[in-house]
Amino acid sequence: MKRIAVALLILVGLPLQIAWASPIVIGSGSSLNGFPFGEVSGPIAYLGEYQQIYLSTAFSGPLFINQIAFESAALGTLSDTFALGLGTTSATPSDPGTTYLGNKRPDFTQVFSGTVVTTLMGGSAFDLLINLDSPFLYDPSAGNLLLDVFLTAASGNSAPFKAGISTDVGRLSNFGGTGAPTATPNFGLLTQFDVTQIPIPEPMTLMLVGIGLARGVMIRNRSKRSSGQAVSQVGRLPWCSGTRSTSEPAHRTFAAHRQVR
């Protein structure tokens, strides 16, 4: 068992593809749009639900999403109260669907609820930062990524956000946050995802782990067989079995028994 433990410790120390935190930016900033966070007053003030769909191939492998950010193009202060959820979806940027509910799968999860106060930086950085209550595990092989926002209150300076045409993003929105949703294919807010890539063992590491585990099982089985054979041989000895050998004379056994007494 000691040899197996040492082997496993060595295998654990073999190199993995290291996890890293790296922002992923999806979309275009070629134009501006205030939905849903920036329209706080007037006839198109936005309250209600809003969705964006991100193409799965814009992400590389399974990852944890820790933060989502958008970039304003104004100065001032903005306060938004909303809930945000993430999940996978069969909707696509080129076909964002027709209903909010229809885009949601059973894995849809609320990952943020609260108020975000933003100091608007006028287009010099991603300034509306949404730190998720808990990281969301997203596997691109399961489908495109759905982002769903339900805005309940907004105040401060109205602010457009960078948005644009992109084959990697599409959206569903309501004019002024009410009424039937309208699909806008291949268009959406420029979005930054702060992610942690999940470490994946290198192929050589997996092969060595398999060899090590197989050898550990062989050693253990061989040890069990050797131990069983030793016990079997000891059990055949006359002084261990409690019986005398059939080839030993009875009077010698009796005499030896008297000496022992």
C-alpha atoms as a PDB file:
ATOM      1  CA  MET A   1       0.000   0.000   0.000  1.00  0.00           C
ATOM      2  CA  LYS A   2       2.916   2.350   0.724  1.00  0.00           C
ATOM      3  CA  ARG A   3       4.226   1.900  -2.816  1.00  0.00           C
ATOM      4  CA  ILE A   4       0.776   2.670  -4.231  1.00  0.00           C
ATOM      5  CA  ALA A   5       0.505   5.810  -2.087  1.00  0.00           C
ATOM      6  CA  VAL A   6       3.905   7.048  -3.256  1.00  0.00           C
ATOM      7  CA  ALA A   7       2.969   6.397  -6.885  1.00  0.00           C
ATOM      8  CA  LEU A   8      -0.268   8.346  -6.520  1.00  0.00           C
ATOM      9  CA  LEU A   9       1.569  11.270  -4.929  1.00  0.00           C
ATOM     10  CA  ILE A  10       3.936  11.364  -7.885  1.00  0.00           C
ATOM     11  CA  LEU A  11       1.023  11.247 -10.334  1.00  0.00           C
ATOM     12  CA  VAL A  12      -0.769  14.077  -8.563  1.00  0.00           C
ATOM     13  CA  GLY A  13       2.319  16.197  -9.068  1.00  0.00           C
ATOM     14  CA  LEU A  14       2.369  15.705 -12.836  1.00  0.00           C
ATOM     15  CA  PRO A  15       1.733  18.826 -14.951  1.00  0.00           C
ATOM     16  CA  LEU A  16      -1.782  20.019 -15.755  1.00  0.00           C
ATOM     17  CA  GLN A  17      -2.938  22.785 -18.027  1.00  0.00           C
ATOM     18  CA  ILE A  18      -3.067  25.551 -15.444  1.00  0.00           C
ATOM     19  CA  ALA A  19      -6.349  27.372 -14.776  1.00  0.00           C
ATOM     20  CA  TRP A  20      -6.263  31.083 -15.473  1.00  0.00           C
ATOM     21  CA  ALA A  21      -8.511  34.103 -15.136  1.00  0.00           C
ATOM     22  CA  SER A  22      -8.820  35.921 -18.437  1.00  0.00           C
ATOM     23  CA  PRO A  23     -11.475  38.308 -19.799  1.00  0.00           C
ATOM     24  CA  ILE A  24     -13.411  37.297 -22.898  1.00  0.00           C
ATOM     25  CA  VAL A  25     -14.912  40.174 -24.904  1.00  0.00           C
ATOM     26  CA  ILE A  26     -17.829  39.373 -27.227  1.00  0.00           C
ATOM     27  CA  GLY A  27     -19.619  41.679 -29.629  1.00  0.00           C
ATOM     28  CA  SER A  28     -18.921  45.006 -31.264  1.00  0.00           C
ATOM     29  CA  GLY A  29     -18.739  48.586 -30.050  1.00  0.00           C
ATOM     30  CA  SER A  30     -19.381  50.203 -33.416  1.00  0.00           C
ATOM     31  CA  SER A  31     -22.638  51.828 -32.296  1.00  0.00           C
ATOM     32  CA  LEU A  32     -24.558  52.710 -29.113  1.00  0.00           C
ATOM     33  CA  ASN A  33     -27.717  51.483 -27.364  1.00  0.00           C
ATOM     34  CA  GLY A  34     -29.315  52.239 -24.007  1.00  0.00           C
ATOM     35  CA  PHE A  35     -31.266  48.993 -23.476  1.00  0.00           C
ATOM     36  CA  PRO A  36     -31.602  47.741 -20.794  1.00  0.00           C
ATOM     37  CA  PHE A  37     -29.377  49.569 -18.273  1.00  0.00           C
ATOM     38  CA  GLY A  38     -29.029  53.087 -19.648  1.00  0.00           C
ATOM     39  CA  GLU A  39     -32.575  54.283 -20.405  1.00  0.00           C
ATOM     40  CA  VAL A  40     -33.700  55.626 -17.033  1.00  0.00           C
ATOM     41  CA  SER A  41     -36.290  58.269 -18.016  1.00  0.00           C
ATOM     42  CA  GLY A  42     -38.525  59.417 -20.827  1.00  0.00           C
ATOM     43  CA  PRO A  43     -40.813  57.412 -23.091  1.00  0.00           C
ATOM     44  CA  ILE A  44     -38.341  54.582 -23.631  1.00  0.00           C
ATOM     45  CA  ALA A  45     -37.221  54.135 -20.012  1.00  0.00           C
ATOM     46  CA  TYR A  46     -36.517  50.436 -19.704  1.00  0.00           C
ATOM     47  CA  LEU A  47     -38.052  48.258 -16.995  1.00  0.00           C
ATOM     48  CA  GLY A  48     -38.640  44.552 -17.483  1.00  0.00           C
ATOM     49  CA  GLU A  49     -36.890  41.597 -19.075  1.00  0.00           C
ATOM     50  CA  TYR A  50     -34.031  41.581 -21.575  1.00  0.00           C
ATOM     51  CA  GLN A  51     -31.959  38.766 -23.088  1.00  0.00           C
ATOM     52  CA  GLN A  52     -28.725  38.336 -25.018  1.00  0.00           C
ATOM     53  CA  ILE A  53     -27.556  35.099 -26.650  1.00  0.00           C
ATOM     54  CA  TYR A  54     -23.828  34.472 -27.098  1.00  0.00           C
ATOM     55  CA  LEU A  55     -22.421  31.976 -29.572  1.00  0.00           C
ATOM     56  CA  SER A  56     -20.806  28.999 -27.821  1.00  0.00           C
ATOM     57  CA  THR A  57     -17.724  29.067 -30.068  1.00  0.00           C
ATOM     58  CA  ALA A  58     -16.790  32.471 -28.638  1.00  0.00           C
ATOM     59  CA  PHE A  59     -15.753  30.562 -25.496  1.00  0.00           C
ATOM     60  CA  SER A  60     -12.925  28.041 -25.268  1.00  0.00           C
ATOM     61  CA  GLY A  61     -13.846  24.983 -23.228  1.00  0.00           C
ATOM     62  CA  PRO A  62     -15.619  24.675 -19.855  1.00  0.00           C
ATOM     63  CA  LEU A  63     -15.156  27.679 -17.591  1.00  0.00           C
ATOM     64  CA  PHE A  64     -16.482  29.554 -14.584  1.00  0.00           C
ATOM     65  CA  ILE A  65     -17.981  32.995 -15.232  1.00  0.00           C
ATOM     66  CA  ASN A  66     -17.180  35.283 -12.284  1.00  0.00           C
ATOM     67  CA  GLN A  67     -18.075  38.748 -13.543  1.00  0.00           C
ATOM     68  CA  ILE A  68     -19.950  40.349 -16.452  1.00  0.00           C
ATOM     69  CA  ALA A  69     -19.244  43.909 -17.583  1.00  0.00           C
ATOM     70  CA  PHE A  70     -20.565  46.443 -20.094  1.00  0.00           C
ATOM     71  CA  GLU A  71     -19.019  49.670 -21.410  1.00  0.00           C
ATOM     72  CA  SER A  72     -20.905  52.964 -21.277  1.00  0.00           C
ATOM     73  CA  ALA A  73     -20.338  55.960 -23.541  1.00  0.00           C
ATOM     74  CA  ALA A  74     -21.306  58.740 -21.137  1.00  0.00           C
ATOM     75  CA  LEU A  75     -20.233  60.489 -17.943  1.00  0.00           C
ATOM     76  CA  GLY A  76     -22.122  60.667 -14.650  1.00  0.00           C
ATOM     77  CA  THR A  77     -23.663  58.113 -12.281  1.00  0.00           C
ATOM     78  CA  LEU A  78     -26.119  55.326 -13.004  1.00  0.00           C
ATOM     79  CA  SER A  79     -28.017  53.103 -10.578  1.00  0.00           C
ATOM     80  CA  ASP A  80     -29.704  49.870 -11.752  1.00  0.00           C
ATOM     81  CA  THR A  81     -31.621  47.317  -9.683  1.00  0.00           C
ATOM     82  CA  PHE A  82     -32.087  43.982 -11.394  1.00  0.00           C
ATOM     83  CA  ALA A  83     -31.786  40.200 -11.317  1.00  0.00           C
ATOM     84  CA  LEU A  84     -29.474  38.433 -13.753  1.00  0.00           C
ATOM     85  CA  GLY A  85     -29.527  34.777 -14.768  1.00  0.00           C
ATOM     86  CA  LEU A  86     -27.398  32.549 -16.987  1.00  0.00           C
ATOM     87  CA  GLY A  87     -27.997  29.241 -18.721  1.00  0.00           C
ATOM     88  CA  THR A  88     -27.587  27.378 -21.972  1.00  0.00           C
ATOM     89  CA  THR A  89     -30.013  27.776 -24.855  1.00  0.00           C
ATOM     90  CA  SER A  90     -30.777  26.437 -28.296  1.00  0.00           C
ATOM     91  CA  ALA A  91     -31.504  29.986 -29.499  1.00  0.00           C
ATOM     92  CA  THR A  92     -28.769  31.527 -31.645  1.00  0.00           C
ATOM     93  CA  PRO A  93     -27.483  35.046 -32.311  1.00  0.00           C
ATOM     94  CA  SER A  94     -28.977  34.852 -35.807  1.00  0.00           C
ATOM     95  CA  ASP A  95     -32.298  33.528 -34.452  1.00  0.00           C
ATOM     96  CA  PRO A  96     -32.781  34.842 -30.874  1.00  0.00           C
ATOM     97  CA  GLY A  97     -36.282  33.360 -30.553  1.00  0.00           C
ATOM     98  CA  THR A  98     -39.641  34.966 -29.892  1.00  0.00           C
ATOM     99  CA  THR A  99     -40.239  34.594 -26.121  1.00  0.00           C
ATOM    100  CA  TYR A 100     -38.072  34.955 -23.047  1.00  0.00           C
ATOM    101  CA  LEU A 101     -39.392  31.778 -21.463  1.00  0.00           C
ATOM    102  CA  GLY A 102     -38.865  29.764 -24.629  1.00  0.00           C
ATOM    103  CA  ASN A 103     -35.118  30.457 -24.523  1.00  0.00           C
ATOM    104  CA  LYS A 104     -34.670  29.105 -20.990  1.00  0.00           C
ATOM    105  CA  ARG A 105     -33.643  25.532 -20.226  1.00  0.00           C
ATOM    106  CA  PRO A 106     -33.785  23.699 -16.883  1.00  0.00           C
ATOM    107  CA  ASP A 107     -30.179  24.745 -16.177  1.00  0.00           C
ATOM    108  CA  PHE A 108     -31.130  28.460 -16.110  1.00  0.00           C
ATOM    109  CA  THR A 109     -29.762  29.906 -12.853  1.00  0.00           C
ATOM    110  CA  GLN A 110     -30.080  33.293 -11.186  1.00  0.00           C
ATOM    111  CA  VAL A 111     -26.526  34.418 -10.431  1.00  0.00           C
ATOM    112  CA  PHE A 112     -27.074  38.018  -9.297  1.00  0.00           C
ATOM    113  CA  SER A 113     -29.759  40.080  -7.603  1.00  0.00           C
ATOM    114  CA  GLY A 114     -29.249  43.601  -6.311  1.00  0.00           C
ATOM    115  CA  THR A 115     -28.333  47.167  -7.190  1.00  0.00           C
ATOM    116  CA  VAL A 116     -25.274  48.208  -9.182  1.00  0.00           C
ATOM    117  CA  VAL A 117     -24.152  51.827  -8.952  1.00  0.00           C
ATOM    118  CA  THR A 118     -21.870  52.779 -11.836  1.00  0.00           C
ATOM    119  CA  THR A 119     -19.528  55.726 -12.183  1.00  0.00           C
ATOM    120  CA  LEU A 120     -19.766  56.220 -15.933  1.00  0.00           C
ATOM    121  CA  MET A 121     -16.368  56.640 -17.591  1.00  0.00           C
ATOM    122  CA  GLY A 122     -17.419  57.854 -21.017  1.00  0.00           C
ATOM    123  CA  GLY A 123     -16.255  54.899 -23.095  1.00  0.00           C
ATOM    124  CA  SER A 124     -12.733  54.518 -21.735  1.00  0.00           C
ATOM    125  CA  ALA A 125     -13.312  51.168 -19.973  1.00  0.00           C
ATOM    126  CA  PHE A 126     -15.853  48.504 -19.052  1.00  0.00           C
ATOM    127  CA  ASP A 127     -17.473  50.392 -16.192  1.00  0.00           C
ATOM    128  CA  LEU A 128     -20.780  48.630 -15.386  1.00  0.00           C
ATOM    129  CA  LEU A 129     -19.384  45.675 -13.425  1.00  0.00           C
ATOM    130  CA  ILE A 130     -21.624  42.842 -12.244  1.00  0.00           C
ATOM    131  CA  ASN A 131     -19.880  40.553  -9.757  1.00  0.00           C
ATOM    132  CA  LEU A 132     -21.861  37.318  -9.667  1.00  0.00           C
ATOM    133  CA  ASP A 133     -23.123  36.051  -6.320  1.00  0.00           C
ATOM    134  CA  SER A 134     -21.552  32.696  -7.210  1.00  0.00           C
ATOM    135  CA  PRO A 135     -19.490  31.626 -10.245  1.00  0.00           C
ATOM    136  CA  PHE A 136     -21.493  30.077 -13.062  1.00  0.00           C
ATOM    137  CA  LEU A 137     -20.120  26.917 -14.682  1.00  0.00           C
ATOM    138  CA  TYR A 138     -20.585  27.131 -18.439  1.00  0.00           C
ATOM    139  CA  ASP A 139     -19.767  24.325 -20.869  1.00  0.00           C
ATOM    140  CA  PRO A 140     -19.970  25.546 -24.478  1.00  0.00           C
ATOM    141  CA  SER A 141     -20.611  22.001 -25.713  1.00  0.00           C
ATOM    142  CA  ALA A 142     -24.032  22.153 -23.984  1.00  0.00           C
ATOM    143  CA  GLY A 143     -25.305  25.068 -26.098  1.00  0.00           C
ATOM    144  CA  ASN A 144     -25.098  28.809 -26.609  1.00  0.00           C
ATOM    145  CA  LEU A 145     -24.979  31.066 -23.545  1.00  0.00           C
ATOM    146  CA  LEU A 146     -28.161  32.845 -22.460  1.00  0.00           C
ATOM    147  CA  LEU A 147     -27.969  36.051 -20.398  1.00  0.00           C
ATOM    148  CA  ASP A 148     -31.290  37.202 -18.922  1.00  0.00           C
ATOM    149  CA  VAL A 149     -31.789  40.515 -17.106  1.00  0.00           C
ATOM    150  CA  PHE A 150     -34.967  41.621 -15.307  1.00  0.00           C
ATOM    151  CA  LEU A 151     -34.685  45.316 -14.467  1.00  0.00           C
ATOM    152  CA  THR A 152     -36.940  46.640 -11.671  1.00  0.00           C
ATOM    153  CA  ALA A 153     -35.530  50.138 -11.069  1.00  0.00           C
ATOM    154  CA  ALA A 154     -33.104  52.592 -12.669  1.00  0.00           C
ATOM    155  CA  SER A 155     -32.059  56.152 -11.866  1.00  0.00           C
ATOM    156  CA  GLY A 156     -29.294  58.663 -12.497  1.00  0.00           C
ATOM    157  CA  ASN A 157     -27.886  59.788 -15.808  1.00  0.00           C
ATOM    158  CA  SER A 158     -29.246  58.181 -18.950  1.00  0.00           C
ATOM    159  CA  ALA A 159     -26.355  56.523 -20.706  1.00  0.00           C
ATOM    160  CA  PRO A 160     -25.886  54.710 -23.992  1.00  0.00           C
ATOM    161  CA  PHE A 161     -23.705  51.622 -23.955  1.00  0.00           C
ATOM    162  CA  LYS A 162     -21.397  50.342 -26.634  1.00  0.00           C
ATOM    163  CA  ALA A 163     -23.159  47.863 -28.903  1.00  0.00           C
ATOM    164  CA  GLY A 164     -23.011  46.747 -32.485  1.00  0.00           C
ATOM    165  CA  ILE A 165     -23.437  44.140 -35.184  1.00  0.00           C
ATOM    166  CA  SER A 166     -21.763  40.801 -34.506  1.00  0.00           C
ATOM    167  CA  THR A 167     -22.414  37.205 -35.493  1.00  0.00           C
ATOM    168  CA  ASP A 168     -21.506  36.204 -31.909  1.00  0.00           C
ATOM    169  CA  VAL A 169     -24.432  37.916 -30.172  1.00  0.00           C
ATOM    170  CA  GLY A 170     -28.170  38.493 -30.632  1.00  0.00           C
ATOM    171  CA  ARG A 171     -30.896  39.830 -28.349  1.00  0.00           C
ATOM    172  CA  LEU A 172     -34.547  39.960 -27.314  1.00  0.00           C
ATOM    173  CA  SER A 173     -35.874  43.232 -25.906  1.00  0.00           C
ATOM    174  CA  ASN A 174     -39.051  45.225 -25.349  1.00  0.00           C
ATOM    175  CA  PHE A 175     -39.548  48.771 -26.538  1.00  0.00           C
ATOM    176  CA  GLY A 176     -39.482  50.625 -23.254  1.00  0.00           C
ATOM    177  CA  GLY A 177     -39.470  47.334 -21.368  1.00  0.00           C
ATOM    178  CA  THR A 178     -43.109  46.456 -22.040  1.00  0.00           C
ATOM    179  CA  GLY A 179     -45.067  44.537 -24.645  1.00  0.00           C
ATOM    180  CA  ALA A 180     -44.066  41.572 -26.770  1.00  0.00           C
ATOM    181  CA  PRO A 181     -40.308  41.067 -27.143  1.00  0.00           C
ATOM    182  CA  THR A 182     -38.587  41.994 -30.361  1.00  0.00           C
ATOM    183  CA  ALA A 183     -35.707  39.917 -31.715  1.00  0.00           C
ATOM    184  CA  THR A 184     -32.629  41.719 -33.010  1.00  0.00           C
ATOM    185  CA  PRO A 185     -30.428  39.148 -34.759  1.00  0.00           C
ATOM    186  CA  ASN A 186     -26.638  39.573 -34.713  1.00  0.00           C
ATOM    187  CA  PHE A 187     -26.744  42.680 -32.550  1.00  0.00           C
ATOM    188  CA  GLY A 188     -26.177  43.313 -28.855  1.00  0.00           C
ATOM    189  CA  LEU A 189     -24.235  45.081 -26.132  1.00  0.00           C
ATOM    190  CA  LEU A 190     -20.474  44.707 -26.158  1.00  0.00           C
ATOM    191  CA  THR A 191     -19.857  42.342 -23.237  1.00  0.00           C
ATOM    192  CA  GLN A 192     -16.836  41.359 -21.199  1.00  0.00           C
ATOM    193  CA  PHE A 193     -16.813  38.079 -19.260  1.00  0.00           C
ATOM    194  CA  ASP A 194     -14.266  37.600 -16.509  1.00  0.00           C
ATOM    195  CA  VAL A 195     -13.723  33.841 -16.415  1.00  0.00           C
ATOM    196  CA  THR A 196     -11.628  31.110 -14.870  1.00  0.00           C
ATOM    197  CA  GLN A 197     -10.746  28.354 -17.289  1.00  0.00           C
ATOM    198  CA  ILE A 198     -11.123  24.846 -15.858  1.00  0.00           C
ATOM    199  CA  PRO A 199      -7.778  22.966 -15.792  1.00  0.00           C
ATOM    200  CA  ILE A 200      -7.676  19.961 -18.116  1.00  0.00           C
ATOM    201  CA  PRO A 201      -5.085  17.173 -17.633  1.00  0.00           C
ATOM    202  CA  GLU A 202      -2.621  16.877 -20.488  1.00  0.00           C
ATOM    203  CA  PRO A 203      -2.924  13.627 -22.526  1.00  0.00           C
ATOM    204  CA  MET A 204       0.434  12.327 -21.248  1.00  0.00           C
ATOM    205  CA  THR A 205      -0.686  12.938 -17.668  1.00  0.00           C
ATOM    206  CA  LEU A 206      -3.861  10.919 -18.223  1.00  0.00           C
ATOM    207  CA  MET A 207      -1.875   8.046 -19.736  1.00  0.00           C
ATOM    208  CA  LEU A 208       0.578   7.963 -16.820  1.00  0.00           C
ATOM    209  CA  VAL A 209      -2.236   8.115 -14.287  1.00  0.00           C
ATOM    210  CA  GLY A 210      -3.883   5.119 -15.976  1.00  0.00           C
ATOM    211  CA  ILE A 211      -0.620   3.133 -16.001  1.00  0.00           C
ATOM    212  CA  GLY A 212       0.060   3.999 -12.363  1.00  0.00           C
ATOM    213  CA  LEU A 213      -3.385   2.955 -11.193  1.00  0.00           C
ATOM    214  CA  ALA A 214      -3.230  -0.306 -13.156  1.00  0.00           C
ATOM    215  CA  ARG A 215       0.172  -1.137 -11.659  1.00  0.00           C
ATOM    216  CA  GLY A 216      -1.119  -0.314  -8.185  1.00  0.00           C
ATOM    217  CA  VAL A 217      -3.971  -2.790  -8.614  1.00  0.00           C
ATOM    218  CA  MET A 218      -1.543  -5.501  -9.862  1.00  0.00           C
ATOM    219  CA  ILE A 219       0.774  -4.979  -6.872  1.00  0.00           C
ATOM    220  CA  ARG A 220      -2.116  -5.154  -4.446  1.00  0.00           C
ATOM    221  CA  ASN A 221      -3.531  -8.341  -5.994  1.00  0.00           C
ATOM    222  CA  ARG A 222      -0.085  -9.976  -6.028  1.00  0.00           C
ATOM    223  CA  SER A 223       0.390  -9.076  -2.358  1.00  0.00           C
ATOM    224  CA  LYS A 224      -2.975 -10.654  -1.479  1.00  0.00           C
ATOM    225  CA  ARG A 225      -2.096 -13.886  -3.330  1.00  0.00           C
ATOM    226  CA  SER A 226       1.314 -14.157  -1.625  1.00  0.00           C
ATOM    227  CA  SER A 227      -0.225 -13.567   1.785  1.00  0.00           C
ATOM    228  CA  GLY A 228      -2.888 -16.238   1.163  1.00  0.00           C
ATOM    229  CA  GLN A 229      -0.299 -18.808   0.086  1.00  0.00           C
ATOM    230  CA  ALA A 230       1.783 -18.197   3.220  1.00  0.00           C
ATOM    231  CA  VAL A 231      -1.210 -18.725   5.495  1.00  0.00           C
ATOM    232  CA  SER A 232      -2.083 -21.910   3.612  1.00  0.00           C
ATOM    233  CA  GLN A 233       1.435 -23.358   4.076  1.00  0.00           C
ATOM    234  CA  VAL A 234       1.469 -22.554   7.800  1.00  0.00           C
ATOM    235  CA  GLY A 235      -1.887 -24.268   8.215  1.00  0.00           C
ATOM    236  CA  ARG A 236      -0.408 -27.558   6.925  1.00  0.00           C
ATOM    237  CA  LEU A 237       2.220 -27.818   9.723  1.00  0.00           C
ATOM    238  CA  PRO A 238       1.304 -30.402  12.391  1.00  0.00           C
ATOM    239  CA  TRP A 239       1.843 -28.086  15.372  1.00  0.00           C
ATOM    240  CA  CYS A 240      -0.414 -25.459  13.809  1.00  0.00           C
ATOM    241  CA  SER A 241      -3.162 -27.714  12.521  1.00  0.00           C
ATOM    242  CA  GLY A 242      -3.815 -29.498  15.789  1.00  0.00           C
ATOM    243  CA  THR A 243      -3.432 -32.926  14.091  1.00  0.00           C
ATOM    244  CA  ARG A 244      -0.454 -35.244  13.822  1.00  0.00           C
ATOM    245  CA  SER A 245       1.063 -36.451  10.647  1.00  0.00           C
ATOM    246  CA  THR A 246      -0.235 -39.853   9.536  1.00  0.00           C
ATOM    247  CA  SER A 247       3.361 -40.975   9.039  1.00  0.00           C
ATOM    248  CA  GLU A 248       4.386 -40.175  12.652  1.00  0.00           C
ATOM    249  CA  PRO A 249       4.100 -43.045  15.183  1.00  0.00           C
ATOM    250  CA  ALA A 250       1.428 -42.583  17.791  1.00  0.00           C
ATOM    251  CA  HIS A 251       3.741 -43.326  20.759  1.00  0.00           C
ATOM    252  CA  ARG A 252       6.140 -40.510  19.738  1.00  0.00           C
ATOM    253  CA  THR A 253       3.351 -38.031  19.589  1.00  0.00           C
ATOM    254  CA  PHE A 254       2.095 -39.162  23.006  1.00  0.00           C
ATOM    255  CA  ALA A 255       5.583 -38.952  24.488  1.00  0.00           C
ATOM    256  CA  ALA A 256       6.102 -35.469  23.119  1.00  0.00           C
ATOM    257  CA  HIS A 257       2.765 -34.508  24.569  1.00  0.00           C
ATOM    258  CA  ARG A 258       3.804 -35.742  28.049  1.00  0.00           C
ATOM    259  CA  GLN A 259       7.066 -33.785  27.910  1.00  0.00           C
ATOM    260  CA  VAL A 260       5.245 -30.655  27.054  1.00  0.00           C
ATOM    261  CA  ARG A 261       2.923 -31.113  30.035  1.00  0.00           C
END
